[in-house]
């Protein structure tokens, strides 16, 4: 196999690039106020945990659940899932906003 064929196969089988959801999304910024909270695949405790977020982690809620108890959120590291709104606070340090807004202090 030639190098050209190898590179063509590698390009064809490579996973597509992950879009930077945090840069493209719009929503409201919150910080985790609980000791920790679960980022889940759906709006409810019966959904799989994608990640555990500790206190102070900043998320952008991009879509509220119709019940108002959960929100679809994206973290500054581009993880997406649902988080319990009751575990969040709108009190976010200004420095934390840089991850989503590009605002410099």
C-alpha atoms as a PDB file:
ATOM      1  CA  UNK A   1       0.000   0.000   0.000  1.00  0.00           C
ATOM      2  CA  UNK A   2       1.337   3.384  -0.920  1.00  0.00           C
ATOM      3  CA  UNK A   3       1.551   6.302   1.469  1.00  0.00           C
ATOM      4  CA  UNK A   4      -1.165   8.075  -0.514  1.00  0.00           C
ATOM      5  CA  UNK A   5      -3.557   5.158  -0.069  1.00  0.00           C
ATOM      6  CA  UNK A   6      -2.691   4.863   3.647  1.00  0.00           C
ATOM      7  CA  UNK A   7      -3.347   8.565   4.245  1.00  0.00           C
ATOM      8  CA  UNK A   8      -6.599   8.363   2.279  1.00  0.00           C
ATOM      9  CA  UNK A   9      -7.772   5.411   4.360  1.00  0.00           C
ATOM     10  CA  UNK A  10      -6.744   7.152   7.587  1.00  0.00           C
ATOM     11  CA  UNK A  11      -8.654  10.303   6.604  1.00  0.00           C
ATOM     12  CA  UNK A  12     -11.725   8.308   5.593  1.00  0.00           C
ATOM     13  CA  UNK A  13     -11.846   6.251   8.799  1.00  0.00           C
ATOM     14  CA  UNK A  14     -11.007   9.084  11.209  1.00  0.00           C
ATOM     15  CA  UNK A  15     -13.883  10.284  13.389  1.00  0.00           C
ATOM     16  CA  UNK A  16     -15.346  13.646  12.433  1.00  0.00           C
ATOM     17  CA  UNK A  17     -14.057  16.624  14.443  1.00  0.00           C
ATOM     18  CA  UNK A  18     -16.049  17.484  17.545  1.00  0.00           C
ATOM     19  CA  UNK A  19     -17.731  20.880  17.190  1.00  0.00           C
ATOM     20  CA  UNK A  20     -16.897  23.414  19.884  1.00  0.00           C
ATOM     21  CA  UNK A  21     -20.369  23.607  21.370  1.00  0.00           C
ATOM     22  CA  UNK A  22     -19.300  26.029  24.095  1.00  0.00           C
ATOM     23  CA  UNK A  23     -18.149  28.559  21.497  1.00  0.00           C
ATOM     24  CA  UNK A  24     -21.310  28.274  19.366  1.00  0.00           C
ATOM     25  CA  UNK A  25     -24.015  27.927  22.021  1.00  0.00           C
ATOM     26  CA  UNK A  26     -25.976  30.616  23.752  1.00  0.00           C
ATOM     27  CA  UNK A  27     -27.625  30.343  27.120  1.00  0.00           C
ATOM     28  CA  UNK A  28     -27.296  31.305  30.747  1.00  0.00           C
ATOM     29  CA  UNK A  29     -24.118  30.774  32.782  1.00  0.00           C
ATOM     30  CA  UNK A  30     -24.294  29.035  36.157  1.00  0.00           C
ATOM     31  CA  UNK A  31     -21.878  27.511  38.649  1.00  0.00           C
ATOM     32  CA  UNK A  32     -22.420  24.245  40.487  1.00  0.00           C
ATOM     33  CA  UNK A  33     -23.515  25.141  44.023  1.00  0.00           C
ATOM     34  CA  UNK A  34     -23.828  21.577  45.341  1.00  0.00           C
ATOM     35  CA  UNK A  35     -20.786  19.647  46.558  1.00  0.00           C
ATOM     36  CA  UNK A  36     -21.132  17.742  43.301  1.00  0.00           C
ATOM     37  CA  UNK A  37     -23.782  17.123  40.677  1.00  0.00           C
ATOM     38  CA  UNK A  38     -24.223  14.665  37.855  1.00  0.00           C
ATOM     39  CA  UNK A  39     -24.183  15.614  34.184  1.00  0.00           C
ATOM     40  CA  UNK A  40     -26.629  13.100  32.654  1.00  0.00           C
ATOM     41  CA  UNK A  41     -27.725  11.876  29.224  1.00  0.00           C
ATOM     42  CA  UNK A  42     -31.297  13.035  29.870  1.00  0.00           C
ATOM     43  CA  UNK A  43     -33.456  15.131  32.208  1.00  0.00           C
ATOM     44  CA  UNK A  44     -33.840  12.875  35.226  1.00  0.00           C
ATOM     45  CA  UNK A  45     -32.008  10.765  37.769  1.00  0.00           C
ATOM     46  CA  UNK A  46     -32.805   7.599  35.823  1.00  0.00           C
ATOM     47  CA  UNK A  47     -30.487   8.672  32.957  1.00  0.00           C
ATOM     48  CA  UNK A  48     -26.845   7.634  32.681  1.00  0.00           C
ATOM     49  CA  UNK A  49     -24.187   9.843  34.293  1.00  0.00           C
ATOM     50  CA  UNK A  50     -21.828  11.384  31.710  1.00  0.00           C
ATOM     51  CA  UNK A  51     -19.649  13.202  34.248  1.00  0.00           C
ATOM     52  CA  UNK A  52     -19.615  14.349  37.856  1.00  0.00           C
ATOM     53  CA  UNK A  53     -19.191  18.088  38.259  1.00  0.00           C
ATOM     54  CA  UNK A  54     -17.759  19.508  41.476  1.00  0.00           C
ATOM     55  CA  UNK A  55     -18.711  22.691  43.294  1.00  0.00           C
ATOM     56  CA  UNK A  56     -17.753  25.826  41.395  1.00  0.00           C
ATOM     57  CA  UNK A  57     -17.648  24.196  37.940  1.00  0.00           C
ATOM     58  CA  UNK A  58     -19.188  26.565  35.414  1.00  0.00           C
ATOM     59  CA  UNK A  59     -21.804  25.421  32.893  1.00  0.00           C
ATOM     60  CA  UNK A  60     -23.938  27.115  30.267  1.00  0.00           C
ATOM     61  CA  UNK A  61     -27.566  25.989  30.332  1.00  0.00           C
ATOM     62  CA  UNK A  62     -28.541  26.046  26.667  1.00  0.00           C
ATOM     63  CA  UNK A  63     -31.997  24.504  26.880  1.00  0.00           C
ATOM     64  CA  UNK A  64     -34.308  24.184  29.878  1.00  0.00           C
ATOM     65  CA  UNK A  65     -36.334  21.015  30.399  1.00  0.00           C
ATOM     66  CA  UNK A  66     -40.111  21.684  30.182  1.00  0.00           C
ATOM     67  CA  UNK A  67     -40.443  20.758  33.875  1.00  0.00           C
ATOM     68  CA  UNK A  68     -37.965  23.482  34.847  1.00  0.00           C
ATOM     69  CA  UNK A  69     -36.096  21.011  37.056  1.00  0.00           C
ATOM     70  CA  UNK A  70     -33.366  20.114  34.556  1.00  0.00           C
ATOM     71  CA  UNK A  71     -31.388  21.981  31.953  1.00  0.00           C
ATOM     72  CA  UNK A  72     -29.358  20.823  28.969  1.00  0.00           C
ATOM     73  CA  UNK A  73     -25.914  22.198  29.701  1.00  0.00           C
ATOM     74  CA  UNK A  74     -22.447  22.401  28.208  1.00  0.00           C
ATOM     75  CA  UNK A  75     -19.272  22.640  30.262  1.00  0.00           C
ATOM     76  CA  UNK A  76     -16.240  24.720  29.350  1.00  0.00           C
ATOM     77  CA  UNK A  77     -14.567  21.425  28.319  1.00  0.00           C
ATOM     78  CA  UNK A  78     -17.389  20.816  25.813  1.00  0.00           C
ATOM     79  CA  UNK A  79     -19.188  18.063  27.733  1.00  0.00           C
ATOM     80  CA  UNK A  80     -22.929  18.144  27.079  1.00  0.00           C
ATOM     81  CA  UNK A  81     -25.679  16.705  29.227  1.00  0.00           C
ATOM     82  CA  UNK A  82     -28.500  17.494  31.614  1.00  0.00           C
ATOM     83  CA  UNK A  83     -28.006  18.894  35.100  1.00  0.00           C
ATOM     84  CA  UNK A  84     -30.437  19.522  37.956  1.00  0.00           C
ATOM     85  CA  UNK A  85     -31.207  23.250  38.091  1.00  0.00           C
ATOM     86  CA  UNK A  86     -31.469  23.029  41.896  1.00  0.00           C
ATOM     87  CA  UNK A  87     -27.718  22.221  42.008  1.00  0.00           C
ATOM     88  CA  UNK A  88     -26.789  25.468  40.217  1.00  0.00           C
ATOM     89  CA  UNK A  89     -26.369  29.112  41.176  1.00  0.00           C
ATOM     90  CA  UNK A  90     -26.250  32.201  38.955  1.00  0.00           C
ATOM     91  CA  UNK A  91     -23.485  33.566  41.224  1.00  0.00           C
ATOM     92  CA  UNK A  92     -20.495  33.006  38.961  1.00  0.00           C
ATOM     93  CA  UNK A  93     -17.024  34.534  39.410  1.00  0.00           C
ATOM     94  CA  UNK A  94     -16.157  36.964  36.607  1.00  0.00           C
ATOM     95  CA  UNK A  95     -12.998  34.984  35.797  1.00  0.00           C
ATOM     96  CA  UNK A  96     -15.128  31.911  35.085  1.00  0.00           C
ATOM     97  CA  UNK A  97     -17.027  33.739  32.352  1.00  0.00           C
ATOM     98  CA  UNK A  98     -13.914  33.834  30.148  1.00  0.00           C
ATOM     99  CA  UNK A  99     -14.432  30.210  29.128  1.00  0.00           C
ATOM    100  CA  UNK A 100     -17.726  31.053  27.435  1.00  0.00           C
ATOM    101  CA  UNK A 101     -17.616  34.714  26.485  1.00  0.00           C
ATOM    102  CA  UNK A 102     -14.033  35.532  25.699  1.00  0.00           C
ATOM    103  CA  UNK A 103     -14.331  38.544  28.010  1.00  0.00           C
ATOM    104  CA  UNK A 104     -10.985  39.528  29.469  1.00  0.00           C
ATOM    105  CA  UNK A 105     -10.693  41.009  32.937  1.00  0.00           C
END
